[in-house]
Amino acid sequence: MSENIEEIEFSIFDTETTGLEPESGDRIIELAALRIKNKEKLASFHTLINPERNISEEAFLVNRISQDMLKDAPKIKEIIPGFFDFIKDSILCAYNASFDLAFLNQELKLNNYKFPQEIIVIDILKMARRLMPGLGSYALISVAEELKLKKKQIHRALSDVELTFEIFNKLKDISFSKGINDLSNFINLFSINSSFLEDINNQKIAKIQEALDLGVKLKIRYFSRTNAEITEREILPKEIRQEKDKSYLVGKCFLRNEERTFRIDSILHLEII
């Protein structure tokens, strides 16, 4: 897969559901996706789905999808193959991706499928939080308003995918303005795939350990989670520290000649100098 984000195809998807708890039996009732490349819409996917159970009153008040609208809709087992054909060889995206993936994974489990491990998943909510720190709310519509988008959220899958597509393009512009325009850094900062993130961090840890063994400095590009700024620094590494599920580089930073601690998953690039 190309490292140039502009050459990569993404599939942005969204779901509407019978409720909020897939582990308690809530099901998908609407599924939509847009396949895009470099801000261009390539294709769309949309279907209502018969969930084979009742819709909660709370869900109906949000999405206005009624039981009657779904009685002749296909069941999820009829939809799964076509959906995965649609997203094949693309990077999957969603706003608050863990919510939609929880439902999708539950549906796959009920129908004896497994989510393909090779699919990279980007969380556009994670992009918003990292690129626009300090917002009072990161709800989809709040971020859209902050980005001066006029399209409204109506809690229908295809419409919300269209809004998410506009948000994604704006956030991608912010990312590019900071020099974050390659796939490895996109995955590093915005993915929710634990296996991909672990591989990337292990590669960086190996390079830091090499510098420690040689007693030499590192040059790093560092993404600040506080203000979303990127700085270049020279570091003389002192140790690699593990705290809970996070890894840190501790060393002397020559920017202000002081010892600093850096999250390894926020290091965009490093090289031995």
Foldseek 3Di string as FASTA:
>chain_A
DFFFQQAAKEKEKDFQWLDQDVVVPIATQKIKIFIDHNLHTDDIDIFGAQSVDARDPVSCVQQVDHNVNHPPTHHVVVVVVVVCVVCPRHAYEYAVVVRVVVNVQSVCVVVVHHDDLVHWYFHLLLLCCQLPPDDPDSPLQSLCVVLVHDQDDRSHIHSSSVSVSVSVVSSQVSCVVQVNGTDLLSSLRTTPNPVSVVVSLVVVVVQLVVLVVVQFKKWWWFQDSHNRHTDIWIWRFDDWDDDDPWIWTWTQTPVVRHIDIGTSSRTPDMDTD
